[in-house]
Amino acid sequence: MLTASIITFALLTVVQLTCTRTFIRWAFRIFLKVHLHYEGPGMILGLWFQGRNLKVLFAPDPKTDRFYFEADRLHFAVSPLHILFGRLLILKPFLGRAYLEYVNRIHSHEKNRLLPRRHRVELKDLDVQEGRVTVVDETLPGPYRLNISEIHLEAADMDMATPVDLFFRMNRGHAQIGSGSIEAGRSRETGFIRVRGITYGEITSLEKVPLMGYGFSLSAYHRGGSDSRDIEGRLRILDASGRGGDDQGIPYGFLMKWEDYNLTMDLGIQKLIENVLNSARPGLMERGLVMGSKGVFDLVKKPQGDTNGISDKLDLDLNSDKGWD
C-alpha cells in the first residue's frame, strides 16, 4: 500500500512539473511554434487549466495562416477517461472578454485534411462572454474582412472535425455579424437559428461582387441526432436597401449529414448557404432572384474538394520571444 502511494505521488509530481508555466510555454514555442503568455495557476495535473490575461500568437511566416488570441479569463477541464480512448474532450471551457484575429493565407480546402475525425476532439459546455472575432481572408482579392462582435454563447458544444456544428449545438447564443445578427438555441433534439440583415458578401467575403450586396433574413429549425439534422425554414432575400417583400419568405429544407461537413468553418458555412439556395422552393415572382443568386454564388464560391495537403511543406519558424516574456 505504501509503495503504491509513493509511486502515485511520484507520477503526480512528474505530471505537475511538466505543467509548469515555463515548461508549457517552452513546449508550445518549440513544438507548435506558438507564443503563449498567461497569468494565474495555469495547468493543474494536466486536467484543469485556469488563467487570466491570456495571449496566444501564431505567426510563422508571411505565407502561412496567422492568428492572435487573447482573453481576460480562461478556464477548462480535460476528461481523463476520454484520453484513455485516444480522444480529447474539453469540459466547460469559459472565455471572458475574448478576441480572436485570424488571417487566412492558405486556401481553405487545403486545410480540410488537417481536421480530426468526428468525436476525436470536442468542446463541451463552452461559455463565451463579450467575444469578438476578426477574419481577414488574403486568398481573395481585397483582402476581405469579416467582423463578428458581441458574441455570447451558453453551454455550446463543438466537434473540431465539423466546426460549423457549433451553430446547431448551443443552448443559447447570439452575435453581431457585419451589418446583421445571428441567434441560435436548442432544447434537447430540436433547435433554431435566426439570421437577420446579413449580406451574402459579408458571409462569403465577396462584398464587391454583383448581387453579393443583397441581404437575407433566414429562420431555420432543426432536429435530429449525432449523425444528421433535418433542417427546414424560410428565406427572405432583401434588396440593397435592406427591404424585402411582405411575404412569409421562401421555404426550404434539406437533410444535413455531418459526414459531409468535415470542412473548415468558412467552407461549412458556405455549404450551408449553398444547400439553402439549392433546396429553396420559390414562387413565380421570386424564382428569378433565387436563380440569379445561385448562379453568382456558384461562380464565386471557394472550392471544397480535397487536394494534396500542404501540412508537410509549411516552414514554421519563430525566431524571437520579444514581447512574450
C-alpha atoms as a PDB file:
ATOM      1  CA  MET A   1       0.000   0.000   0.000  1.00  0.00           C
ATOM      2  CA  LEU A   2       2.816   2.394   0.906  1.00  0.00           C
ATOM      3  CA  THR A   3       4.682   1.541  -2.300  1.00  0.00           C
ATOM      4  CA  ALA A   4       1.603   2.262  -4.400  1.00  0.00           C
ATOM      5  CA  SER A   5       1.127   5.596  -2.661  1.00  0.00           C
ATOM      6  CA  ILE A   6       4.751   6.551  -3.270  1.00  0.00           C
ATOM      7  CA  ILE A   7       4.520   5.637  -6.957  1.00  0.00           C
ATOM      8  CA  THR A   8       1.284   7.603  -7.338  1.00  0.00           C
ATOM      9  CA  PHE A   9       2.786  10.633  -5.624  1.00  0.00           C
ATOM     10  CA  ALA A  10       5.875  10.426  -7.835  1.00  0.00           C
ATOM     11  CA  LEU A  11       3.773  10.233 -11.010  1.00  0.00           C
ATOM     12  CA  LEU A  12       1.627  13.202  -9.973  1.00  0.00           C
ATOM     13  CA  THR A  13       4.786  15.167  -9.181  1.00  0.00           C
ATOM     14  CA  VAL A  14       6.234  14.435 -12.634  1.00  0.00           C
ATOM     15  CA  VAL A  15       2.942  15.401 -14.308  1.00  0.00           C
ATOM     16  CA  GLN A  16       2.773  18.662 -12.397  1.00  0.00           C
ATOM     17  CA  LEU A  17       6.392  19.511 -13.226  1.00  0.00           C
ATOM     18  CA  THR A  18       5.549  19.192 -16.930  1.00  0.00           C
ATOM     19  CA  CYS A  19       2.579  21.505 -16.373  1.00  0.00           C
ATOM     20  CA  THR A  20       4.550  24.454 -15.043  1.00  0.00           C
ATOM     21  CA  ARG A  21       4.153  27.717 -16.903  1.00  0.00           C
ATOM     22  CA  THR A  22       7.770  27.728 -18.035  1.00  0.00           C
ATOM     23  CA  PHE A  23       7.607  24.197 -19.454  1.00  0.00           C
ATOM     24  CA  ILE A  24       4.250  24.754 -21.174  1.00  0.00           C
ATOM     25  CA  ARG A  25       5.441  27.964 -22.833  1.00  0.00           C
ATOM     26  CA  TRP A  26       8.657  26.244 -23.949  1.00  0.00           C
ATOM     27  CA  ALA A  27       6.750  23.242 -25.350  1.00  0.00           C
ATOM     28  CA  PHE A  28       4.286  25.453 -27.250  1.00  0.00           C
ATOM     29  CA  ARG A  29       7.108  27.503 -28.747  1.00  0.00           C
ATOM     30  CA  ILE A  30       9.326  24.558 -29.723  1.00  0.00           C
ATOM     31  CA  PHE A  31       6.764  22.000 -30.904  1.00  0.00           C
ATOM     32  CA  LEU A  32       3.815  24.141 -32.051  1.00  0.00           C
ATOM     33  CA  LYS A  33       5.629  27.374 -32.968  1.00  0.00           C
ATOM     34  CA  VAL A  34       3.120  29.240 -30.802  1.00  0.00           C
ATOM     35  CA  HIS A  35       3.944  32.101 -28.440  1.00  0.00           C
ATOM     36  CA  LEU A  36       1.974  31.798 -25.215  1.00  0.00           C
ATOM     37  CA  HIS A  37       1.591  34.083 -22.214  1.00  0.00           C
ATOM     38  CA  TYR A  38      -0.780  33.867 -19.256  1.00  0.00           C
ATOM     39  CA  GLU A  39      -1.032  34.630 -15.573  1.00  0.00           C
ATOM     40  CA  GLY A  40      -2.544  32.537 -12.801  1.00  0.00           C
ATOM     41  CA  PRO A  41      -2.297  28.879 -11.739  1.00  0.00           C
ATOM     42  CA  GLY A  42      -2.240  27.533 -15.299  1.00  0.00           C
ATOM     43  CA  MET A  43      -2.440  23.771 -15.833  1.00  0.00           C
ATOM     44  CA  ILE A  44      -3.011  21.637 -12.733  1.00  0.00           C
ATOM     45  CA  LEU A  45      -2.107  17.933 -13.048  1.00  0.00           C
ATOM     46  CA  GLY A  46      -2.835  18.121 -16.762  1.00  0.00           C
ATOM     47  CA  LEU A  47      -6.591  18.049 -16.106  1.00  0.00           C
ATOM     48  CA  TRP A  48      -7.548  21.618 -15.204  1.00  0.00           C
ATOM     49  CA  PHE A  49      -6.453  24.983 -16.571  1.00  0.00           C
ATOM     50  CA  GLN A  50      -7.140  28.383 -15.093  1.00  0.00           C
ATOM     51  CA  GLY A  51      -5.522  31.544 -16.341  1.00  0.00           C
ATOM     52  CA  ARG A  52      -6.033  35.244 -16.887  1.00  0.00           C
ATOM     53  CA  ASN A  53      -4.654  37.823 -19.319  1.00  0.00           C
ATOM     54  CA  LEU A  54      -4.036  35.033 -21.829  1.00  0.00           C
ATOM     55  CA  LYS A  55      -2.260  35.849 -25.110  1.00  0.00           C
ATOM     56  CA  VAL A  56      -1.550  33.394 -27.920  1.00  0.00           C
ATOM     57  CA  LEU A  57       0.262  34.214 -31.164  1.00  0.00           C
ATOM     58  CA  PHE A  58       0.955  32.007 -34.182  1.00  0.00           C
ATOM     59  CA  ALA A  59       2.723  33.875 -36.981  1.00  0.00           C
ATOM     60  CA  PRO A  60       5.472  31.723 -38.512  1.00  0.00           C
ATOM     61  CA  ASP A  61       5.930  33.382 -41.916  1.00  0.00           C
ATOM     62  CA  PRO A  62       4.120  35.592 -44.468  1.00  0.00           C
ATOM     63  CA  LYS A  63       2.828  32.609 -46.454  1.00  0.00           C
ATOM     64  CA  THR A  64       1.155  30.769 -43.574  1.00  0.00           C
ATOM     65  CA  ASP A  65      -2.087  31.472 -41.751  1.00  0.00           C
ATOM     66  CA  ARG A  66      -1.598  33.512 -38.619  1.00  0.00           C
ATOM     67  CA  PHE A  67      -3.780  34.078 -35.572  1.00  0.00           C
ATOM     68  CA  TYR A  68      -3.745  36.130 -32.429  1.00  0.00           C
ATOM     69  CA  PHE A  69      -5.957  35.276 -29.455  1.00  0.00           C
ATOM     70  CA  GLU A  70      -6.419  36.958 -26.123  1.00  0.00           C
ATOM     71  CA  ALA A  71      -8.822  36.599 -23.212  1.00  0.00           C
ATOM     72  CA  ASP A  72      -9.161  38.215 -19.820  1.00  0.00           C
ATOM     73  CA  ARG A  73     -10.121  34.848 -18.329  1.00  0.00           C
ATOM     74  CA  LEU A  74      -9.921  31.237 -19.452  1.00  0.00           C
ATOM     75  CA  HIS A  75     -10.581  28.012 -17.625  1.00  0.00           C
ATOM     76  CA  PHE A  76     -11.431  24.468 -18.686  1.00  0.00           C
ATOM     77  CA  ALA A  77     -11.119  20.844 -17.617  1.00  0.00           C
ATOM     78  CA  VAL A  78      -9.867  17.802 -19.542  1.00  0.00           C
ATOM     79  CA  SER A  79     -11.662  14.464 -19.345  1.00  0.00           C
ATOM     80  CA  PRO A  80      -9.103  11.807 -18.300  1.00  0.00           C
ATOM     81  CA  LEU A  81     -11.412   8.960 -19.345  1.00  0.00           C
ATOM     82  CA  HIS A  82     -11.566  10.136 -22.964  1.00  0.00           C
ATOM     83  CA  ILE A  83      -7.772  10.415 -23.106  1.00  0.00           C
ATOM     84  CA  LEU A  84      -7.554   6.698 -22.347  1.00  0.00           C
ATOM     85  CA  PHE A  85      -9.561   6.063 -25.537  1.00  0.00           C
ATOM     86  CA  GLY A  86      -7.456   8.371 -27.687  1.00  0.00           C
ATOM     87  CA  ARG A  87      -9.881  11.280 -27.590  1.00  0.00           C
ATOM     88  CA  LEU A  88      -9.697  14.817 -26.243  1.00  0.00           C
ATOM     89  CA  LEU A  89     -12.784  16.237 -24.540  1.00  0.00           C
ATOM     90  CA  ILE A  90     -12.511  19.784 -23.181  1.00  0.00           C
ATOM     91  CA  LEU A  91     -15.116  20.269 -20.441  1.00  0.00           C
ATOM     92  CA  LYS A  92     -16.798  23.544 -19.510  1.00  0.00           C
ATOM     93  CA  PRO A  93     -14.374  25.928 -21.232  1.00  0.00           C
ATOM     94  CA  PHE A  94     -15.057  29.548 -20.319  1.00  0.00           C
ATOM     95  CA  LEU A  95     -13.773  32.601 -22.211  1.00  0.00           C
ATOM     96  CA  GLY A  96     -14.210  36.083 -20.775  1.00  0.00           C
ATOM     97  CA  ARG A  97     -13.704  39.146 -23.000  1.00  0.00           C
ATOM     98  CA  ALA A  98     -12.076  37.037 -25.691  1.00  0.00           C
ATOM     99  CA  TYR A  99     -10.740  38.315 -29.019  1.00  0.00           C
ATOM    100  CA  LEU A 100      -9.548  36.263 -31.997  1.00  0.00           C
ATOM    101  CA  GLU A 101      -7.938  37.644 -35.139  1.00  0.00           C
ATOM    102  CA  TYR A 102      -7.394  35.094 -37.892  1.00  0.00           C
ATOM    103  CA  VAL A 103      -5.601  35.865 -41.149  1.00  0.00           C
ATOM    104  CA  ASN A 104      -6.327  33.255 -43.806  1.00  0.00           C
ATOM    105  CA  ARG A 105      -3.433  32.907 -46.268  1.00  0.00           C
ATOM    106  CA  ILE A 106      -3.819  29.271 -47.312  1.00  0.00           C
ATOM    107  CA  HIS A 107      -6.805  28.139 -49.370  1.00  0.00           C
ATOM    108  CA  SER A 108      -9.357  26.633 -47.003  1.00  0.00           C
ATOM    109  CA  HIS A 109      -9.838  23.384 -48.919  1.00  0.00           C
ATOM    110  CA  GLU A 110      -6.142  22.624 -48.460  1.00  0.00           C
ATOM    111  CA  LYS A 111      -6.672  22.606 -44.679  1.00  0.00           C
ATOM    112  CA  ASN A 112      -9.585  20.157 -44.619  1.00  0.00           C
ATOM    113  CA  ARG A 113      -7.208  17.205 -44.364  1.00  0.00           C
ATOM    114  CA  LEU A 114      -5.828  18.641 -41.106  1.00  0.00           C
ATOM    115  CA  LEU A 115      -9.181  18.285 -39.361  1.00  0.00           C
ATOM    116  CA  PRO A 116      -9.551  15.306 -36.980  1.00  0.00           C
ATOM    117  CA  ARG A 117     -12.122  12.576 -37.350  1.00  0.00           C
ATOM    118  CA  ARG A 118     -15.531  13.005 -35.723  1.00  0.00           C
ATOM    119  CA  HIS A 119     -15.591  12.734 -31.919  1.00  0.00           C
ATOM    120  CA  ARG A 120     -11.781  12.843 -31.616  1.00  0.00           C
ATOM    121  CA  VAL A 121     -11.520  16.434 -30.348  1.00  0.00           C
ATOM    122  CA  GLU A 122     -14.586  18.101 -28.839  1.00  0.00           C
ATOM    123  CA  LEU A 123     -15.633  21.043 -26.696  1.00  0.00           C
ATOM    124  CA  LYS A 124     -18.428  20.504 -24.178  1.00  0.00           C
ATOM    125  CA  ASP A 125     -20.471  23.275 -22.495  1.00  0.00           C
ATOM    126  CA  LEU A 126     -18.492  26.203 -23.894  1.00  0.00           C
ATOM    127  CA  ASP A 127     -19.393  29.635 -22.466  1.00  0.00           C
ATOM    128  CA  VAL A 128     -18.227  32.880 -24.085  1.00  0.00           C
ATOM    129  CA  GLN A 129     -18.856  36.378 -22.734  1.00  0.00           C
ATOM    130  CA  GLU A 130     -18.156  39.558 -24.700  1.00  0.00           C
ATOM    131  CA  GLY A 131     -16.338  37.798 -27.521  1.00  0.00           C
ATOM    132  CA  ARG A 132     -15.075  39.295 -30.776  1.00  0.00           C
ATOM    133  CA  VAL A 133     -13.653  37.717 -33.935  1.00  0.00           C
ATOM    134  CA  THR A 134     -11.971  39.327 -36.939  1.00  0.00           C
ATOM    135  CA  VAL A 135     -11.269  37.211 -40.007  1.00  0.00           C
ATOM    136  CA  VAL A 136      -9.092  38.542 -42.832  1.00  0.00           C
ATOM    137  CA  ASP A 137      -9.039  36.396 -45.976  1.00  0.00           C
ATOM    138  CA  GLU A 138      -5.967  37.063 -48.107  1.00  0.00           C
ATOM    139  CA  THR A 139      -6.762  34.228 -50.529  1.00  0.00           C
ATOM    140  CA  LEU A 140      -9.389  36.509 -52.092  1.00  0.00           C
ATOM    141  CA  PRO A 141      -8.804  39.866 -53.822  1.00  0.00           C
ATOM    142  CA  GLY A 142      -9.100  42.710 -51.388  1.00  0.00           C
ATOM    143  CA  PRO A 143      -8.313  41.241 -48.911  1.00  0.00           C
ATOM    144  CA  TYR A 144     -11.761  40.893 -47.369  1.00  0.00           C
ATOM    145  CA  ARG A 145     -12.599  41.209 -43.722  1.00  0.00           C
ATOM    146  CA  LEU A 146     -15.422  39.792 -41.589  1.00  0.00           C
ATOM    147  CA  ASN A 147     -16.101  41.210 -38.138  1.00  0.00           C
ATOM    148  CA  ILE A 148     -18.130  39.326 -35.548  1.00  0.00           C
ATOM    149  CA  SER A 149     -18.822  41.103 -32.280  1.00  0.00           C
ATOM    150  CA  GLU A 150     -20.913  40.893 -29.112  1.00  0.00           C
ATOM    151  CA  ILE A 151     -20.503  37.117 -29.083  1.00  0.00           C
ATOM    152  CA  HIS A 152     -22.319  35.427 -26.239  1.00  0.00           C
ATOM    153  CA  LEU A 153     -22.550  31.636 -26.026  1.00  0.00           C
ATOM    154  CA  GLU A 154     -24.098  29.459 -23.336  1.00  0.00           C
ATOM    155  CA  ALA A 155     -23.429  25.716 -22.983  1.00  0.00           C
ATOM    156  CA  ALA A 156     -22.230  25.284 -26.583  1.00  0.00           C
ATOM    157  CA  ASP A 157     -20.739  22.046 -27.907  1.00  0.00           C
ATOM    158  CA  MET A 158     -18.450  21.731 -30.920  1.00  0.00           C
ATOM    159  CA  ASP A 159     -16.729  18.870 -32.691  1.00  0.00           C
ATOM    160  CA  MET A 160     -13.467  20.134 -34.188  1.00  0.00           C
ATOM    161  CA  ALA A 161     -13.975  17.771 -37.133  1.00  0.00           C
ATOM    162  CA  THR A 162     -17.116  19.683 -38.153  1.00  0.00           C
ATOM    163  CA  PRO A 163     -16.710  23.202 -36.714  1.00  0.00           C
ATOM    164  CA  VAL A 164     -19.950  24.505 -38.226  1.00  0.00           C
ATOM    165  CA  ASP A 165     -21.930  22.258 -35.857  1.00  0.00           C
ATOM    166  CA  LEU A 166     -21.346  24.931 -33.201  1.00  0.00           C
ATOM    167  CA  PHE A 167     -24.399  26.765 -34.576  1.00  0.00           C
ATOM    168  CA  PHE A 168     -26.571  23.696 -34.005  1.00  0.00           C
ATOM    169  CA  ARG A 169     -25.320  22.669 -30.563  1.00  0.00           C
ATOM    170  CA  MET A 170     -25.606  25.649 -28.246  1.00  0.00           C
ATOM    171  CA  ASN A 171     -28.260  26.169 -25.594  1.00  0.00           C
ATOM    172  CA  ARG A 172     -28.312  29.848 -26.392  1.00  0.00           C
ATOM    173  CA  GLY A 173     -26.128  32.221 -28.356  1.00  0.00           C
ATOM    174  CA  HIS A 174     -26.116  35.451 -30.297  1.00  0.00           C
ATOM    175  CA  ALA A 175     -23.665  37.716 -32.131  1.00  0.00           C
ATOM    176  CA  GLN A 176     -23.432  40.662 -34.482  1.00  0.00           C
ATOM    177  CA  ILE A 177     -22.054  39.705 -37.907  1.00  0.00           C
ATOM    178  CA  GLY A 178     -21.238  42.566 -40.227  1.00  0.00           C
ATOM    179  CA  SER A 179     -24.407  44.639 -40.598  1.00  0.00           C
ATOM    180  CA  GLY A 180     -26.677  41.902 -39.252  1.00  0.00           C
ATOM    181  CA  SER A 181     -27.103  39.466 -36.406  1.00  0.00           C
ATOM    182  CA  ILE A 182     -27.398  35.774 -35.693  1.00  0.00           C
ATOM    183  CA  GLU A 183     -29.194  33.996 -32.859  1.00  0.00           C
ATOM    184  CA  ALA A 184     -29.318  30.282 -32.098  1.00  0.00           C
ATOM    185  CA  GLY A 185     -30.575  27.930 -29.438  1.00  0.00           C
ATOM    186  CA  ARG A 186     -31.645  24.368 -28.735  1.00  0.00           C
ATOM    187  CA  SER A 187     -33.774  22.246 -26.461  1.00  0.00           C
ATOM    188  CA  ARG A 188     -32.991  18.528 -26.408  1.00  0.00           C
ATOM    189  CA  GLU A 189     -33.067  17.286 -30.028  1.00  0.00           C
ATOM    190  CA  THR A 190     -34.549  20.410 -31.620  1.00  0.00           C
ATOM    191  CA  GLY A 191     -33.163  23.867 -32.189  1.00  0.00           C
ATOM    192  CA  PHE A 192     -33.377  27.084 -34.162  1.00  0.00           C
ATOM    193  CA  ILE A 193     -31.145  29.554 -35.997  1.00  0.00           C
ATOM    194  CA  ARG A 194     -32.201  33.070 -36.975  1.00  0.00           C
ATOM    195  CA  VAL A 195     -30.152  35.344 -39.213  1.00  0.00           C
ATOM    196  CA  ARG A 196     -31.181  38.920 -39.870  1.00  0.00           C
ATOM    197  CA  GLY A 197     -29.826  41.560 -42.229  1.00  0.00           C
ATOM    198  CA  ILE A 198     -26.530  39.922 -43.255  1.00  0.00           C
ATOM    199  CA  THR A 199     -25.454  40.233 -46.886  1.00  0.00           C
ATOM    200  CA  TYR A 200     -24.102  37.367 -48.966  1.00  0.00           C
ATOM    201  CA  GLY A 201     -20.935  39.408 -49.427  1.00  0.00           C
ATOM    202  CA  GLU A 202     -20.322  39.686 -45.692  1.00  0.00           C
ATOM    203  CA  ILE A 203     -20.684  35.941 -45.209  1.00  0.00           C
ATOM    204  CA  THR A 204     -18.522  34.966 -48.192  1.00  0.00           C
ATOM    205  CA  SER A 205     -16.091  37.943 -48.025  1.00  0.00           C
ATOM    206  CA  LEU A 206     -17.090  38.908 -51.572  1.00  0.00           C
ATOM    207  CA  GLU A 207     -18.854  42.207 -50.966  1.00  0.00           C
ATOM    208  CA  LYS A 208     -17.812  43.800 -54.269  1.00  0.00           C
ATOM    209  CA  VAL A 209     -19.253  41.047 -56.465  1.00  0.00           C
ATOM    210  CA  PRO A 210     -22.616  41.854 -58.128  1.00  0.00           C
ATOM    211  CA  LEU A 211     -25.670  40.680 -56.119  1.00  0.00           C
ATOM    212  CA  MET A 212     -23.466  39.964 -53.094  1.00  0.00           C
ATOM    213  CA  GLY A 213     -24.696  43.259 -51.617  1.00  0.00           C
ATOM    214  CA  TYR A 214     -28.176  41.756 -51.328  1.00  0.00           C
ATOM    215  CA  GLY A 215     -29.000  40.767 -47.791  1.00  0.00           C
ATOM    216  CA  PHE A 216     -31.077  37.946 -46.432  1.00  0.00           C
ATOM    217  CA  SER A 217     -33.138  37.098 -43.417  1.00  0.00           C
ATOM    218  CA  LEU A 218     -33.303  33.431 -42.534  1.00  0.00           C
ATOM    219  CA  SER A 219     -35.089  31.284 -39.995  1.00  0.00           C
ATOM    220  CA  ALA A 220     -34.153  27.623 -39.609  1.00  0.00           C
ATOM    221  CA  TYR A 221     -35.459  24.875 -37.369  1.00  0.00           C
ATOM    222  CA  HIS A 222     -33.552  21.632 -36.994  1.00  0.00           C
ATOM    223  CA  ARG A 223     -33.959  18.282 -35.304  1.00  0.00           C
ATOM    224  CA  GLY A 224     -32.026  15.027 -35.265  1.00  0.00           C
ATOM    225  CA  GLY A 225     -29.182  13.190 -33.602  1.00  0.00           C
ATOM    226  CA  SER A 226     -25.400  12.972 -33.752  1.00  0.00           C
ATOM    227  CA  ASP A 227     -25.243  11.758 -37.387  1.00  0.00           C
ATOM    228  CA  SER A 228     -27.578  14.151 -39.193  1.00  0.00           C
ATOM    229  CA  ARG A 229     -30.045  17.003 -38.812  1.00  0.00           C
ATOM    230  CA  ASP A 230     -33.300  17.687 -40.643  1.00  0.00           C
ATOM    231  CA  ILE A 231     -33.376  21.397 -41.437  1.00  0.00           C
ATOM    232  CA  GLU A 232     -36.294  23.425 -42.686  1.00  0.00           C
ATOM    233  CA  GLY A 233     -37.137  27.100 -42.632  1.00  0.00           C
ATOM    234  CA  ARG A 234     -37.794  30.215 -44.649  1.00  0.00           C
ATOM    235  CA  LEU A 235     -35.510  32.595 -46.515  1.00  0.00           C
ATOM    236  CA  ARG A 236     -36.207  36.217 -47.361  1.00  0.00           C
ATOM    237  CA  ILE A 237     -33.906  37.925 -49.848  1.00  0.00           C
ATOM    238  CA  LEU A 238     -33.545  41.642 -49.200  1.00  0.00           C
ATOM    239  CA  ASP A 239     -32.630  44.304 -51.741  1.00  0.00           C
ATOM    240  CA  ALA A 240     -29.687  46.687 -51.362  1.00  0.00           C
ATOM    241  CA  SER A 241     -31.791  48.996 -49.156  1.00  0.00           C
ATOM    242  CA  GLY A 242     -32.419  46.139 -46.727  1.00  0.00           C
ATOM    243  CA  ARG A 243     -36.093  45.774 -47.606  1.00  0.00           C
ATOM    244  CA  GLY A 244     -37.848  42.631 -48.736  1.00  0.00           C
ATOM    245  CA  GLY A 245     -41.339  41.729 -49.740  1.00  0.00           C
ATOM    246  CA  ASP A 246     -44.346  41.371 -47.446  1.00  0.00           C
ATOM    247  CA  ASP A 247     -44.439  37.606 -47.875  1.00  0.00           C
ATOM    248  CA  GLN A 248     -43.515  34.994 -45.270  1.00  0.00           C
ATOM    249  CA  GLY A 249     -40.361  34.059 -47.132  1.00  0.00           C
ATOM    250  CA  ILE A 250     -39.219  31.283 -49.439  1.00  0.00           C
ATOM    251  CA  PRO A 251     -39.496  27.792 -47.889  1.00  0.00           C
ATOM    252  CA  TYR A 252     -36.530  25.430 -47.992  1.00  0.00           C
ATOM    253  CA  GLY A 253     -35.499  22.153 -46.400  1.00  0.00           C
ATOM    254  CA  PHE A 254     -32.690  19.607 -46.579  1.00  0.00           C
ATOM    255  CA  LEU A 255     -31.011  16.784 -44.680  1.00  0.00           C
ATOM    256  CA  MET A 256     -27.663  17.729 -43.187  1.00  0.00           C
ATOM    257  CA  LYS A 257     -25.267  14.785 -42.756  1.00  0.00           C
ATOM    258  CA  TRP A 258     -22.268  15.565 -40.584  1.00  0.00           C
ATOM    259  CA  GLU A 259     -20.029  13.274 -42.647  1.00  0.00           C
ATOM    260  CA  ASP A 260     -20.407  15.812 -45.475  1.00  0.00           C
ATOM    261  CA  TYR A 261     -19.299  18.720 -43.287  1.00  0.00           C
ATOM    262  CA  ASN A 262     -15.750  17.700 -42.410  1.00  0.00           C
ATOM    263  CA  LEU A 263     -14.795  21.186 -43.565  1.00  0.00           C
ATOM    264  CA  THR A 264     -13.196  24.302 -42.141  1.00  0.00           C
ATOM    265  CA  MET A 265     -15.638  26.782 -40.605  1.00  0.00           C
ATOM    266  CA  ASP A 266     -15.830  29.076 -43.649  1.00  0.00           C
ATOM    267  CA  LEU A 267     -16.412  26.182 -46.047  1.00  0.00           C
ATOM    268  CA  GLY A 268     -19.007  24.693 -43.708  1.00  0.00           C
ATOM    269  CA  ILE A 269     -20.942  27.972 -43.664  1.00  0.00           C
ATOM    270  CA  GLN A 270     -20.603  28.192 -47.442  1.00  0.00           C
ATOM    271  CA  LYS A 271     -22.028  24.689 -47.829  1.00  0.00           C
ATOM    272  CA  LEU A 272     -24.981  25.577 -45.605  1.00  0.00           C
ATOM    273  CA  ILE A 273     -25.770  28.643 -47.748  1.00  0.00           C
ATOM    274  CA  GLU A 274     -25.461  26.532 -50.885  1.00  0.00           C
ATOM    275  CA  ASN A 275     -27.889  23.929 -49.534  1.00  0.00           C
ATOM    276  CA  VAL A 276     -30.379  26.621 -48.533  1.00  0.00           C
ATOM    277  CA  LEU A 277     -30.316  28.102 -52.050  1.00  0.00           C
ATOM    278  CA  ASN A 278     -30.440  24.700 -53.785  1.00  0.00           C
ATOM    279  CA  SER A 279     -33.385  23.486 -51.703  1.00  0.00           C
ATOM    280  CA  ALA A 280     -35.346  26.753 -51.857  1.00  0.00           C
ATOM    281  CA  ARG A 281     -38.835  26.473 -53.346  1.00  0.00           C
ATOM    282  CA  PRO A 282     -39.557  29.998 -54.638  1.00  0.00           C
ATOM    283  CA  GLY A 283     -42.781  31.222 -56.130  1.00  0.00           C
ATOM    284  CA  LEU A 284     -43.043  32.579 -59.639  1.00  0.00           C
ATOM    285  CA  MET A 285     -42.116  36.134 -58.667  1.00  0.00           C
ATOM    286  CA  GLU A 286     -39.104  35.041 -56.597  1.00  0.00           C
ATOM    287  CA  ARG A 287     -37.683  32.424 -58.930  1.00  0.00           C
ATOM    288  CA  GLY A 288     -35.513  34.763 -60.976  1.00  0.00           C
ATOM    289  CA  LEU A 289     -33.859  36.323 -57.927  1.00  0.00           C
ATOM    290  CA  VAL A 290     -33.119  32.923 -56.380  1.00  0.00           C
ATOM    291  CA  MET A 291     -31.731  31.548 -59.645  1.00  0.00           C
ATOM    292  CA  GLY A 292     -29.564  34.647 -60.057  1.00  0.00           C
ATOM    293  CA  SER A 293     -28.249  34.329 -56.509  1.00  0.00           C
ATOM    294  CA  LYS A 294     -27.431  30.657 -57.080  1.00  0.00           C
ATOM    295  CA  GLY A 295     -25.641  31.395 -60.327  1.00  0.00           C
ATOM    296  CA  VAL A 296     -23.445  34.102 -58.838  1.00  0.00           C
ATOM    297  CA  PHE A 297     -22.795  32.037 -55.721  1.00  0.00           C
ATOM    298  CA  ASP A 298     -21.649  29.078 -57.836  1.00  0.00           C
ATOM    299  CA  LEU A 299     -19.207  31.315 -59.686  1.00  0.00           C
ATOM    300  CA  VAL A 300     -17.577  32.873 -56.633  1.00  0.00           C
ATOM    301  CA  LYS A 301     -17.696  30.127 -54.012  1.00  0.00           C
ATOM    302  CA  LYS A 302     -14.480  28.640 -52.694  1.00  0.00           C
ATOM    303  CA  PRO A 303     -13.502  25.108 -53.755  1.00  0.00           C
ATOM    304  CA  GLN A 304     -14.369  22.420 -51.182  1.00  0.00           C
ATOM    305  CA  GLY A 305     -12.743  19.326 -52.677  1.00  0.00           C
ATOM    306  CA  ASP A 306      -9.730  17.614 -51.182  1.00  0.00           C
ATOM    307  CA  THR A 307      -6.352  18.397 -52.703  1.00  0.00           C
ATOM    308  CA  ASN A 308      -2.825  17.410 -51.814  1.00  0.00           C
ATOM    309  CA  GLY A 309      -2.208  18.792 -48.339  1.00  0.00           C
ATOM    310  CA  ILE A 310       0.500  21.295 -47.535  1.00  0.00           C
ATOM    311  CA  SER A 311       0.946  20.441 -43.879  1.00  0.00           C
ATOM    312  CA  ASP A 312       4.319  18.827 -44.598  1.00  0.00           C
ATOM    313  CA  LYS A 313       5.529  21.848 -46.581  1.00  0.00           C
ATOM    314  CA  LEU A 314       4.958  24.656 -44.106  1.00  0.00           C
ATOM    315  CA  ASP A 315       8.120  26.388 -42.955  1.00  0.00           C
ATOM    316  CA  LEU A 316       7.248  27.218 -39.369  1.00  0.00           C
ATOM    317  CA  ASP A 317       9.966  29.326 -37.794  1.00  0.00           C
ATOM    318  CA  LEU A 318       9.680  31.683 -34.867  1.00  0.00           C
ATOM    319  CA  ASN A 319      12.993  33.265 -34.037  1.00  0.00           C
ATOM    320  CA  SER A 320      12.122  35.621 -31.224  1.00  0.00           C
ATOM    321  CA  ASP A 321      10.237  35.710 -27.950  1.00  0.00           C
ATOM    322  CA  LYS A 322      10.267  39.514 -27.885  1.00  0.00           C
ATOM    323  CA  GLY A 323       7.250  40.875 -26.047  1.00  0.00           C
ATOM    324  CA  TRP A 324       6.206  37.496 -24.638  1.00  0.00           C
ATOM    325  CA  ASP A 325       8.373  37.223 -21.553  1.00  0.00           C
END
